[in-house]
Protein backbone atom coordinates (compact mmCIF):
# COMPACT_ATOMS: atom_id res chain seq x y z
CA MET A 1 -20.20 -14.48 28.26
CA LYS A 2 -21.75 -12.00 30.21
CA ALA A 3 -20.99 -8.33 29.55
CA THR A 4 -20.61 -5.41 31.37
CA TYR A 5 -20.23 -1.66 29.59
CA ILE A 6 -18.45 1.32 31.21
CA ASN A 7 -17.52 4.62 29.96
CA TYR A 8 -14.40 5.00 27.68
CA SER A 9 -13.42 8.04 29.99
CA ASP A 10 -13.26 5.45 33.13
CA THR A 11 -10.56 3.56 31.30
CA ARG A 12 -8.28 6.41 31.34
CA SER A 13 -6.84 5.02 27.93
CA PHE A 14 -8.24 7.54 25.55
CA SER A 15 -7.35 10.95 24.50
CA SER A 16 -9.28 14.05 25.17
CA THR A 17 -9.66 14.79 21.59
CA VAL A 18 -11.42 10.67 21.40
CA LEU A 19 -13.34 11.70 24.53
CA SER A 20 -14.60 15.17 22.67
CA TYR A 21 -15.59 13.54 19.51
CA LEU A 22 -17.69 10.75 21.31
CA ALA A 23 -19.26 13.64 23.06
CA HIS A 24 -20.20 15.22 19.82
CA ASP A 25 -18.23 18.55 20.85
CA PRO A 26 -19.57 21.14 18.29
CA LYS A 27 -16.21 22.20 18.14
CA LEU A 28 -15.20 19.40 15.95
CA SER A 29 -18.03 19.57 13.34
CA PRO A 30 -15.92 21.61 10.77
CA PHE A 31 -13.48 18.48 10.72
CA ILE A 32 -16.23 15.80 10.31
CA SER A 33 -19.26 15.01 7.81
CA HIS A 34 -21.60 13.66 10.72
CA PHE A 35 -21.43 12.57 14.18
CA PRO A 36 -21.95 8.60 14.57
CA THR A 37 -25.66 8.26 15.04
CA ILE A 38 -28.04 6.01 13.64
CA GLU A 39 -29.95 9.10 12.23
CA ASN A 40 -26.73 10.81 10.91
CA PHE A 41 -26.20 7.48 8.58
CA GLY A 42 -29.46 7.92 6.91
CA LYS A 43 -28.43 11.70 6.27
CA LEU A 44 -25.52 10.46 4.78
CA LEU A 45 -27.24 7.93 2.30
CA GLU A 46 -29.13 10.72 1.21
CA GLU A 47 -25.97 12.87 0.38
CA ARG A 48 -23.34 10.32 -0.83
CA LYS A 49 -21.88 10.41 -3.93
CA VAL A 50 -20.18 7.30 -4.95
CA THR A 51 -17.18 7.52 -7.28
CA ALA A 52 -16.31 3.92 -7.32
CA ASN A 53 -16.43 2.02 -10.49
CA ARG A 54 -18.38 -1.07 -9.09
CA SER A 55 -17.69 -3.56 -12.03
CA ILE A 56 -14.10 -2.64 -11.31
CA LEU A 57 -14.26 -3.02 -7.69
CA VAL A 58 -15.86 -6.30 -8.12
CA ASP A 59 -13.82 -7.70 -10.87
CA SER A 60 -10.73 -6.86 -8.76
CA LEU A 61 -12.07 -8.65 -5.57
CA LEU A 62 -12.70 -11.55 -7.35
CA LYS A 63 -9.48 -11.93 -9.02
CA GLN A 64 -7.96 -11.65 -5.39
CA TYR A 65 -9.91 -13.98 -3.97
CA ALA A 66 -9.37 -16.47 -6.69
CA ARG A 67 -5.60 -16.50 -5.15
CA LEU A 68 -7.00 -18.40 -2.31
CA ASN A 69 -6.26 -22.00 -1.92
CA THR A 70 -10.01 -22.42 -1.10
CA ALA A 71 -13.30 -21.66 -2.46
CA THR A 72 -15.05 -18.64 -1.79
CA SER A 73 -18.17 -18.91 0.78
CA SER A 74 -21.27 -17.95 -0.33
CA ALA A 75 -21.64 -15.12 2.27
CA VAL A 76 -18.74 -13.46 1.14
CA ASN A 77 -19.17 -14.09 -2.63
CA GLY A 78 -22.86 -12.90 -2.05
CA ASN A 79 -21.74 -9.75 -0.14
CA ILE A 80 -19.18 -9.21 -3.33
CA GLN A 81 -21.53 -9.45 -5.63
CA LEU A 82 -24.08 -6.98 -4.01
CA LEU A 83 -21.57 -4.28 -4.51
CA ARG A 84 -22.56 -4.25 -8.22
CA GLU A 85 -25.75 -2.70 -6.83
CA GLN A 86 -26.52 1.01 -6.48
CA ASN A 87 -27.89 0.59 -3.03
CA THR A 88 -25.01 -1.27 -1.74
CA PHE A 89 -22.66 0.33 0.59
CA THR A 90 -19.66 -0.42 2.76
CA VAL A 91 -18.08 0.03 6.15
CA THR A 92 -14.59 -0.45 6.40
CA THR A 93 -11.92 -0.90 8.88
CA GLY A 94 -8.01 -1.55 8.31
CA HIS A 95 -5.06 -2.74 9.60
CA GLN A 96 -1.29 -3.82 9.02
CA LEU A 97 -0.61 -7.37 8.03
CA ASN A 98 0.35 -8.54 11.93
CA ILE A 99 1.45 -11.93 11.79
CA PHE A 100 -1.10 -14.56 13.47
CA THR A 101 -3.66 -11.11 13.43
CA GLY A 102 -1.20 -9.79 16.32
CA PRO A 103 -2.92 -7.76 19.28
CA LEU A 104 -6.81 -8.25 19.74
CA TYR A 105 -7.91 -4.90 18.61
CA PHE A 106 -7.08 -6.53 15.00
CA ILE A 107 -10.08 -8.63 15.60
CA TYR A 108 -12.26 -6.10 17.33
CA LYS A 109 -11.99 -3.93 14.47
CA ILE A 110 -13.13 -6.19 12.47
CA VAL A 111 -16.14 -7.32 14.85
CA THR A 112 -17.10 -3.58 15.01
CA ALA A 113 -17.73 -3.25 11.01
CA ILE A 114 -19.35 -6.64 10.99
CA ASN A 115 -21.79 -5.37 13.64
CA LEU A 116 -22.21 -2.10 12.33
CA ALA A 117 -23.24 -3.43 8.87
CA LYS A 118 -25.97 -5.28 10.56
CA ASP A 119 -27.12 -2.64 12.82
CA LEU A 120 -27.51 -0.29 9.65
CA LYS A 121 -29.27 -2.96 7.51
CA ALA A 122 -31.91 -3.24 10.31
CA ALA A 123 -32.12 0.57 10.37
CA TYR A 124 -32.41 0.95 6.38
CA PRO A 125 -33.66 -2.33 5.11
CA ASP A 126 -34.03 -0.90 1.44
CA LYS A 127 -30.19 -0.90 1.46
CA ASN A 128 -27.36 -3.30 1.76
CA PHE A 129 -24.38 -2.90 3.58
CA VAL A 130 -21.04 -4.93 3.10
CA PRO A 131 -18.15 -4.99 5.89
CA VAL A 132 -14.78 -4.52 4.66
CA TYR A 133 -11.32 -5.29 5.99
CA TRP A 134 -8.68 -3.11 3.97
CA MET A 135 -5.37 -4.97 4.15
CA ALA A 136 -2.62 -2.13 4.69
CA SER A 137 -0.38 -4.33 2.45
CA GLU A 138 1.63 -1.20 0.99
CA ASP A 139 3.01 -0.72 4.56
CA HIS A 140 6.80 -1.37 4.82
CA ASP A 141 7.36 -1.20 8.54
CA PHE A 142 8.05 -4.65 8.90
CA ALA A 143 8.91 -4.20 12.55
CA GLU A 144 5.58 -3.16 13.68
CA ILE A 145 3.86 -6.39 12.12
CA ASN A 146 6.62 -9.11 12.82
CA HIS A 147 5.38 -10.23 16.26
CA THR A 148 2.86 -11.18 18.31
CA SER A 149 2.26 -11.96 22.31
CA ILE A 150 0.11 -14.88 23.52
CA LEU A 151 0.14 -16.20 26.97
CA GLY A 152 2.93 -13.84 28.24
CA LYS A 153 5.31 -14.95 25.24
CA LYS A 154 6.67 -12.74 22.33
CA VAL A 155 6.50 -14.47 19.08
CA ASN A 156 9.01 -13.34 16.38
CA TRP A 157 9.47 -13.73 12.73
CA ASP A 158 13.15 -13.01 12.45
CA HIS A 159 13.72 -12.15 8.92
CA GLN A 160 15.14 -9.32 6.73
CA ALA A 161 12.30 -7.48 4.92
CA PHE A 162 12.61 -4.54 2.41
CA GLY A 163 9.62 -2.89 0.67
CA ALA A 164 5.74 -3.42 0.85
CA THR A 165 5.10 -6.04 3.62
CA GLY A 166 2.04 -7.48 1.24
CA LYS A 167 4.66 -8.57 -1.11
CA LEU A 168 6.99 -10.93 1.29
CA ASP A 169 7.31 -14.34 1.07
CA PRO A 170 6.02 -15.86 4.05
CA SER A 171 7.80 -19.18 3.93
CA SER A 172 10.65 -17.82 6.36
CA ILE A 173 7.85 -17.47 9.02
CA PHE A 174 8.31 -21.63 9.42
CA GLN A 175 10.29 -20.95 13.03
CA ALA A 176 7.78 -18.41 14.21
CA ILE A 177 5.01 -20.61 13.49
CA LYS A 178 6.33 -23.27 15.69
CA ASP A 179 7.00 -21.22 18.68
CA TYR A 180 3.50 -19.66 18.51
CA GLN A 181 1.89 -23.29 18.25
CA GLN A 182 4.16 -24.16 21.15
CA THR A 183 2.28 -21.91 23.23
CA LEU A 184 -1.23 -23.28 22.17
CA GLY A 185 -1.21 -26.33 24.53
CA VAL A 186 -3.06 -29.81 23.42
CA SER A 187 -6.78 -29.38 22.78
CA GLU A 188 -9.38 -29.72 19.73
CA ASN A 189 -9.38 -26.03 19.24
CA SER A 190 -5.28 -25.43 19.60
CA SER A 191 -5.07 -28.07 16.95
CA LYS A 192 -7.46 -26.48 14.62
CA LEU A 193 -5.84 -23.06 15.15
CA ALA A 194 -2.40 -24.79 14.79
CA SER A 195 -3.46 -26.02 11.30
CA LEU A 196 -5.06 -23.05 10.39
CA ILE A 197 -1.96 -20.85 10.73
CA GLU A 198 0.04 -23.28 9.07
CA GLU A 199 -2.29 -23.36 5.85
CA SER A 200 -2.26 -19.75 5.98
CA TYR A 201 1.35 -18.58 5.87
CA LEU A 202 3.10 -22.00 4.51
CA GLN A 203 0.62 -22.38 1.50
CA HIS A 204 0.53 -19.10 0.27
CA ASN A 205 3.16 -17.04 -1.77
CA THR A 206 2.73 -13.53 -0.22
CA LEU A 207 2.02 -12.14 3.18
CA ALA A 208 -1.03 -10.44 1.86
CA ASN A 209 -2.47 -13.87 0.52
CA ALA A 210 -1.79 -15.54 3.57
CA THR A 211 -3.41 -12.57 5.68
CA ARG A 212 -6.41 -12.83 3.70
CA TYR A 213 -6.84 -16.60 3.90
CA LEU A 214 -6.46 -16.66 7.67
CA VAL A 215 -8.83 -13.45 8.11
CA ASN A 216 -11.26 -15.08 5.77
CA ALA A 217 -11.07 -18.40 7.52
CA LEU A 218 -12.17 -16.36 11.02
CA PHE A 219 -14.93 -14.10 9.53
CA GLU A 220 -16.26 -15.64 6.28
CA ARG A 221 -19.18 -16.75 7.66
CA PHE A 222 -20.29 -13.22 8.41
CA GLY A 223 -19.45 -12.02 4.91
CA LEU A 224 -16.41 -9.93 5.67
CA VAL A 225 -15.04 -8.90 2.42
CA ILE A 226 -11.32 -8.39 2.30
CA ILE A 227 -9.84 -5.69 0.08
CA ASP A 228 -6.14 -5.65 -1.14
CA ALA A 229 -5.81 -1.94 -2.65
CA ASP A 230 -2.19 -3.03 -3.91
CA ASP A 231 -4.09 -3.62 -7.30
CA ALA A 232 -3.26 -1.90 -10.65
CA ALA A 233 -6.89 -1.74 -11.79
CA LEU A 234 -8.05 -0.16 -8.56
CA LYS A 235 -5.06 2.24 -8.62
CA GLN A 236 -5.90 3.43 -11.98
CA GLU A 237 -9.40 4.75 -10.34
CA PHE A 238 -7.31 6.57 -8.35
CA ALA A 239 -4.48 7.79 -11.03
CA PRO A 240 -5.74 11.42 -11.60
CA ILE A 241 -5.51 12.32 -8.14
CA ILE A 242 -2.25 10.82 -7.83
CA GLU A 243 -1.11 12.85 -10.73
CA GLU A 244 -2.66 16.02 -9.33
CA ASP A 245 -1.46 15.60 -5.66
CA ILE A 246 1.96 14.78 -6.77
CA LEU A 247 2.54 17.52 -9.34
CA ASN A 248 0.44 20.09 -7.44
CA GLN A 249 1.13 19.11 -3.85
CA ARG A 250 -2.43 19.75 -3.02
CA SER A 251 -2.92 18.13 0.26
CA PHE A 252 -0.13 19.66 1.99
CA ASN A 253 -1.28 23.13 2.19
CA SER A 254 -4.82 21.85 3.07
CA ILE A 255 -4.07 19.22 5.68
CA ASN A 256 -1.48 21.52 7.30
CA GLN A 257 -4.36 24.15 7.49
CA THR A 258 -6.89 21.96 9.21
CA SER A 259 -3.91 20.62 11.62
CA SER A 260 -3.64 24.33 12.52
CA ASP A 261 -7.61 25.16 13.23
CA LEU A 262 -7.54 21.61 15.07
CA ALA A 263 -4.68 22.85 17.66
CA ALA A 264 -6.35 26.39 17.60
CA ALA A 265 -9.35 24.57 18.67
CA GLY A 266 -7.33 22.57 21.41
CA TYR A 267 -7.21 19.51 19.96
CA SER A 268 -4.17 17.31 19.33
CA THR A 269 -3.01 16.02 16.25
CA GLN A 270 -1.35 12.81 14.81
CA VAL A 271 0.27 12.94 11.46
CA ASN A 272 2.17 15.89 9.26
CA ALA A 273 1.31 15.92 5.94
CA ARG A 274 4.37 16.09 3.40
CA GLU A 275 5.12 18.05 -0.09
CA ILE A 276 4.65 14.63 -1.87
CA ASN A 277 2.43 12.26 -0.07
CA PHE A 278 3.22 9.38 -2.02
CA PHE A 279 5.90 6.51 -2.30
CA TYR A 280 7.42 4.70 -5.36
CA MET A 281 6.65 0.88 -4.79
CA ILE A 282 8.04 -1.91 -6.80
CA GLU A 283 9.44 -5.09 -5.67
CA GLY A 284 11.75 -4.76 -2.60
CA LEU A 285 11.15 -1.27 -2.81
CA ARG A 286 9.00 1.54 -1.22
CA GLU A 287 10.61 4.90 -0.98
CA ARG A 288 9.26 8.76 -0.74
CA ILE A 289 9.11 10.56 -3.95
CA VAL A 290 10.64 14.28 -3.25
CA PHE A 291 11.01 17.22 -5.64
CA GLU A 292 14.59 18.26 -5.84
CA ASN A 293 16.27 19.92 -8.29
CA GLY A 294 13.63 20.22 -11.03
CA GLN A 295 13.26 16.46 -10.97
CA TYR A 296 10.90 14.14 -8.85
CA GLN A 297 13.41 11.56 -7.03
CA VAL A 298 12.95 8.47 -5.35
CA LEU A 299 14.68 8.85 -1.95
CA ASN A 300 18.16 6.03 -1.37
CA THR A 301 17.78 5.24 -5.09
CA GLU A 302 19.09 6.72 -8.43
CA LEU A 303 15.41 6.93 -9.99
CA LYS A 304 14.29 10.16 -11.14
CA PHE A 305 11.62 11.30 -13.42
CA SER A 306 11.10 14.62 -15.08
CA LYS A 307 7.46 16.02 -14.96
CA GLU A 308 6.50 14.41 -18.11
CA GLU A 309 8.21 10.89 -17.54
CA LEU A 310 6.29 10.86 -14.28
CA GLN A 311 2.99 11.69 -15.84
CA GLU A 312 3.90 8.80 -18.11
CA GLU A 313 4.89 6.60 -15.15
CA ILE A 314 1.68 7.11 -13.78
CA LYS A 315 -0.39 6.23 -16.51
CA ALA A 316 1.44 3.32 -17.34
CA HIS A 317 2.05 1.66 -13.70
CA PRO A 318 -0.32 3.61 -11.41
CA ASP A 319 0.35 0.57 -8.81
CA ARG A 320 3.95 1.66 -8.54
CA PHE A 321 2.57 4.89 -6.59
CA SER A 322 1.85 4.20 -2.93
CA PRO A 323 -0.13 6.65 -0.79
CA ASN A 324 1.04 7.64 2.60
CA VAL A 325 -1.06 7.70 5.68
CA VAL A 326 -2.71 10.86 4.62
CA MET A 327 -3.41 9.65 1.28
CA ARG A 328 -4.68 6.52 2.08
CA PRO A 329 -7.97 7.36 3.07
CA LEU A 330 -8.74 9.55 0.17
CA TYR A 331 -7.69 6.31 -1.87
CA GLN A 332 -10.11 4.21 0.09
CA GLU A 333 -13.30 6.44 -0.33
CA VAL A 334 -12.48 6.70 -4.36
CA ILE A 335 -12.77 3.03 -5.10
CA LEU A 336 -15.25 1.81 -2.42
CA PRO A 337 -18.94 3.28 -2.09
CA ASN A 338 -18.43 3.65 1.53
CA LEU A 339 -20.02 4.99 4.70
CA ALA A 340 -18.05 4.54 7.51
CA TYR A 341 -14.35 4.20 8.60
CA ILE A 342 -13.94 2.30 11.83
CA GLY A 343 -10.39 2.90 13.60
CA GLY A 344 -8.77 3.50 16.51
CA GLY A 345 -8.39 6.34 18.73
CA ALA A 346 -5.34 7.48 17.14
CA GLU A 347 -6.77 6.76 13.51
CA ILE A 348 -9.73 9.07 14.63
CA VAL A 349 -7.56 11.66 15.23
CA TYR A 350 -5.62 11.78 12.23
CA TRP A 351 -8.78 11.08 9.93
CA LEU A 352 -9.96 14.77 11.54
CA GLN A 353 -7.19 16.55 9.99
CA LEU A 354 -8.34 15.13 6.50
CA LYS A 355 -11.55 16.83 5.83
CA SER A 356 -10.23 19.55 3.75
CA ASN A 357 -8.22 17.59 1.69
CA PHE A 358 -11.55 15.19 0.80
CA ASP A 359 -13.89 18.79 0.42
CA PHE A 360 -10.74 20.05 -2.28
CA TYR A 361 -11.31 16.62 -4.28
CA LYS A 362 -14.73 16.75 -3.93
CA ILE A 363 -14.96 13.40 -2.38
CA ASP A 364 -17.33 12.34 0.68
CA PHE A 365 -16.25 12.07 3.83
CA PRO A 366 -17.15 9.15 6.12
CA ILE A 367 -18.58 8.84 9.13
CA LEU A 368 -15.65 8.02 11.67
CA LEU A 369 -16.50 5.32 14.26
CA LEU A 370 -14.48 4.43 17.48
CA ARG A 371 -13.99 0.60 17.36
CA ASN A 372 -15.05 -1.41 19.85
CA SER A 373 -13.05 -2.08 22.87
CA ALA A 374 -12.92 -4.65 25.38
CA MET A 375 -11.33 -6.81 28.14
CA ILE A 376 -11.33 -10.78 27.99
CA THR A 377 -11.72 -11.73 31.95
CA HIS A 378 -11.91 -15.28 33.52
CA GLU A 379 -14.65 -17.11 35.60
CA GLU A 380 -14.91 -15.25 39.41
CA PHE A 381 -14.05 -11.80 37.94
CA SER A 382 -16.56 -9.77 39.10
CA ASN A 383 -16.72 -12.11 42.59
CA LYS A 384 -13.24 -11.16 43.27
CA LEU A 385 -13.89 -7.45 42.64
CA CYS A 386 -16.99 -7.60 44.75
CA ARG A 387 -14.94 -9.41 47.73
CA LEU A 388 -11.99 -6.61 46.96
CA GLN A 389 -14.82 -4.10 47.18
CA ILE A 390 -13.77 -2.62 43.85
CA CYS A 391 -16.20 -1.77 41.11
CA HIS A 392 -15.46 -2.45 37.11
CA LYS A 393 -14.19 0.88 36.26
CA ASP A 394 -11.86 1.04 39.55
CA ILE A 395 -9.70 -1.73 38.16
CA PHE A 396 -8.52 0.54 35.27
CA LYS A 397 -6.51 2.90 37.68
CA PRO A 398 -2.97 2.50 38.42
CA ALA A 399 -2.28 -0.28 40.49
CA GLU A 400 -0.80 2.22 43.24
CA GLU A 401 -3.46 4.51 42.99
CA LEU A 402 -5.88 1.83 43.38
CA LYS A 403 -4.22 0.20 46.46
CA LYS A 404 -4.03 3.72 48.25
CA GLU A 405 -7.46 4.10 47.97
CA TRP A 406 -8.09 0.93 49.31
CA VAL A 407 -6.03 1.02 52.24
CA LEU A 408 -7.42 4.69 53.24
CA SER A 409 -11.28 3.34 52.81
CA HIS A 410 -10.48 -0.07 54.70
CA SER A 411 -8.02 1.18 57.60
CA ASN A 412 -8.87 1.12 61.24
CA HIS A 413 -6.78 4.04 61.32
CA THR A 414 -7.39 7.69 60.48
CA LEU A 415 -4.46 7.99 57.82
CA ASN A 416 -4.54 11.52 56.77
CA LEU A 417 -3.78 14.86 58.69
CA SER A 418 -6.22 17.07 57.18
CA ALA A 419 -8.24 17.99 60.07
CA GLU A 420 -4.76 18.36 62.05
CA TRP A 421 -3.51 20.61 59.25
CA ILE A 422 -6.47 22.89 59.90
CA GLU A 423 -5.90 23.30 63.20
CA LEU A 424 -1.97 24.17 62.47
CA ASN A 425 -3.32 26.51 59.75
CA SER A 426 -5.61 28.55 62.32
CA ILE A 427 -2.40 28.65 64.49
CA PHE A 428 0.15 30.13 61.85
CA GLU A 429 -2.37 32.92 61.10
CA LYS A 430 -2.31 34.04 64.62
CA ILE A 431 1.49 33.95 64.66
CA LYS A 432 1.82 35.50 61.08
CA LEU A 433 -0.54 38.44 62.47
CA ARG A 434 1.73 38.26 65.60
CA THR A 435 5.04 38.76 63.72
CA TYR A 436 3.48 41.52 61.56
CA LYS A 437 2.73 43.85 64.29
CA ILE A 438 6.25 43.24 65.40
CA ASP A 439 7.66 43.59 62.05
CA PRO A 440 6.07 43.44 58.82
CA THR A 441 9.41 42.07 57.01
CA LEU A 442 8.79 38.99 59.18
CA SER A 443 5.61 37.65 57.88
CA PRO A 444 7.68 35.97 54.71
CA SER A 445 9.65 34.00 57.12
CA THR A 446 6.58 32.62 59.02
CA GLU A 447 5.18 31.91 55.40
CA ALA A 448 8.34 29.70 55.04
CA VAL A 449 8.00 27.83 58.26
CA LYS A 450 4.46 27.22 57.44
CA VAL A 451 5.33 25.58 53.96
CA ARG A 452 7.96 23.44 55.40
CA LEU A 453 5.33 22.19 58.23
CA GLN A 454 3.00 21.40 55.66
CA LYS A 455 5.43 19.26 53.26
CA ALA A 456 6.69 17.63 56.52
CA LEU A 457 3.08 16.63 57.56
CA SER A 458 2.57 15.73 53.62
CA ASN A 459 5.77 13.07 54.21
CA LEU A 460 4.38 11.94 57.59
CA GLU A 461 1.20 11.42 55.58
CA LYS A 462 2.67 9.17 53.47
CA LYS A 463 4.64 7.06 55.98
CA MET A 464 1.33 6.36 58.09
CA ILE A 465 -0.12 4.90 54.90
CA LYS A 466 2.64 2.90 53.70
CA ALA A 467 3.21 2.02 57.30
CA ASP A 468 -0.54 0.65 57.35
CA VAL A 469 -0.22 -0.94 53.84
CA ARG A 470 1.63 -3.78 55.46
CA ASN A 471 -1.28 -4.38 57.72
CA HIS A 472 -3.21 -5.47 54.33
CA ASP A 473 -0.37 -7.40 52.43
CA GLU A 474 -2.51 -10.15 51.44
CA VAL A 475 -5.56 -7.83 49.99
CA LEU A 476 -3.19 -5.70 48.06
CA ASP A 477 -1.46 -8.71 46.48
CA LYS A 478 -4.45 -9.76 45.11
CA ILE A 479 -5.30 -6.24 43.73
CA ASP A 480 -1.28 -6.49 42.10
CA SER A 481 -2.34 -10.09 40.63
CA LEU A 482 -5.80 -8.65 39.06
CA LYS A 483 -3.49 -5.52 37.38
CA SER A 484 -0.97 -7.85 36.17
CA LYS A 485 -2.92 -10.54 34.74
CA TYR A 486 -5.51 -8.04 32.92
CA PHE A 487 -3.32 -5.07 32.00
CA PRO A 488 -0.01 -6.83 30.44
CA GLY A 489 2.70 -4.19 30.61
CA ASN A 490 0.25 -1.51 32.41
CA GLY A 491 -1.83 -1.17 29.34
CA LEU A 492 -5.11 -2.48 27.76
CA GLN A 493 -5.09 -5.90 27.17
CA GLU A 494 -6.44 -5.72 23.76
CA ARG A 495 -3.29 -3.87 22.41
CA ILE A 496 -0.95 -6.58 23.40
CA GLU A 497 -2.47 -10.07 23.74
CA ASN A 498 -3.36 -12.34 20.85
CA PHE A 499 -6.71 -13.86 19.92
CA GLY A 500 -5.20 -17.36 20.25
CA ARG A 501 -5.46 -17.32 23.98
CA PHE A 502 -9.13 -17.10 23.93
CA TYR A 503 -9.47 -19.08 20.72
CA ILE A 504 -8.24 -22.52 22.34
CA LYS A 505 -10.62 -21.73 25.10
CA TYR A 506 -13.90 -21.09 23.24
CA GLY A 507 -13.15 -21.85 19.64
CA ASP A 508 -14.97 -20.15 17.09
CA GLY A 509 -17.21 -19.14 19.68
CA PHE A 510 -15.38 -16.62 21.05
CA ILE A 511 -15.83 -14.31 17.99
CA GLU A 512 -19.46 -15.37 17.89
CA GLU A 513 -19.37 -13.96 21.55
CA LEU A 514 -17.76 -10.49 20.10
CA ILE A 515 -20.50 -10.38 17.40
CA ARG A 516 -22.94 -10.70 20.11
CA HIS A 517 -22.07 -8.33 22.83
CA PHE A 518 -20.35 -5.55 20.76
CA LYS A 519 -22.61 -2.52 20.26
CA PRO A 520 -20.79 0.06 17.60
CA LEU A 521 -22.73 2.85 18.14
CA ASP A 522 -23.33 2.65 22.22
CA PHE A 523 -19.58 3.53 22.70
CA LYS A 524 -18.90 1.69 25.94
CA PHE A 525 -15.71 -0.23 26.64
CA THR A 526 -16.58 -4.06 27.10
CA ILE A 527 -15.81 -6.25 29.95
CA LEU A 528 -16.43 -9.82 29.18
CA GLU A 529 -16.71 -12.72 31.60
CA PRO A 530 -17.46 -16.29 31.59
């Protein structure tokens, strides 16, 4: 494949806060540790105080991988063992357990992590860097993960689910697997992918294990380490903060203050902290903990604890306490020797709200990195744009805006009335002066006539453009075709389309091409074309 890189701003798909972060806006400095540059990673390496218990981390990972119906590759096992070493650090991305990996950006996140680890090793060869995928196995929003879209078809897992998604039994996903496989067609690559999907979901007893198997099969040769933080031994490392935060509600005030500071600086916020930012989680249940009537209650249940009972429960069963979106990042940094978190635009924004909470608990804040984004095109994509005289960045404009600009620049007629309006405006100034001399109160009436005429001319201009559009139907249909093909639902391809569409064409080479072309620290949108 060949790659074309454009600015993220040209895609019109990223928030002003994210663009400011990429531009290293100094107003964001209070909300981060360092901006993402190779030099700043060196600074963080000097500063980083690792809180992770490396032995517990490695032992937990080995136990988790032992649940797979396959041997751990030498690349993965080697990276797990490296985590015992004091000069080894992680770069982490995370995502929910979307079936069949969900949208393309699931894959893009992981590729970004792998490439960042490679870039850091090249810059700091005396250190080791391990790419990590953090499975959001404790998330309970089944509706967000129970579907994917491939080749224009939406595939659904029809199932009633309760509690943490990672604990779900995937045996009922059989029909969704069949629906997915039917979209793949008949080829060596499609057969390989169909078999992989079956092995992942029908030979493992939880969705977390199924997801680990699938992601491991796709990325094990690159040494990706997959962690499931729904783990009693790992939660034990986080238990002191769980207790402190629930009993004293430390995060609520610090995060709310940071959110106010961000808003005052002109930036949007993404999440809201609660007084208690933990769920109580057992089989089939994950519900918020609230403090009411002097007790800690689990919403929508009869479960309640006194302060002393809650402390005992945390001590005996820390795995039953599940962090919400504002506490999960802190948990991650407690149990991993981590340098960077790689996320999408919305994730970067909500991480900006968390810095003061990290400071309170004396946990180092990682460098935030926007994941790579891409659009995968077909043969002749660039040639089609060239024939239409459209540049790569212009294809990201809304279809109607793009077509209007094309007609205005290619029409044989003059379709704007700006010159005529200048003449009319001069005439109205004369009329306005004449009416003022007769009666000063007539000036507003003259201005009102002028406004009505300006509006009428604007409407006439639109009609002229619309009429001329019909003279270019063939070209404009081609623009519509390109937009519908590469922007499903008028959004970025990566937010809808599943990787299977490209795996059946390129096989394992698809991910290898992403690895070859993604540049984590260049911060450019990637357009890939065969």
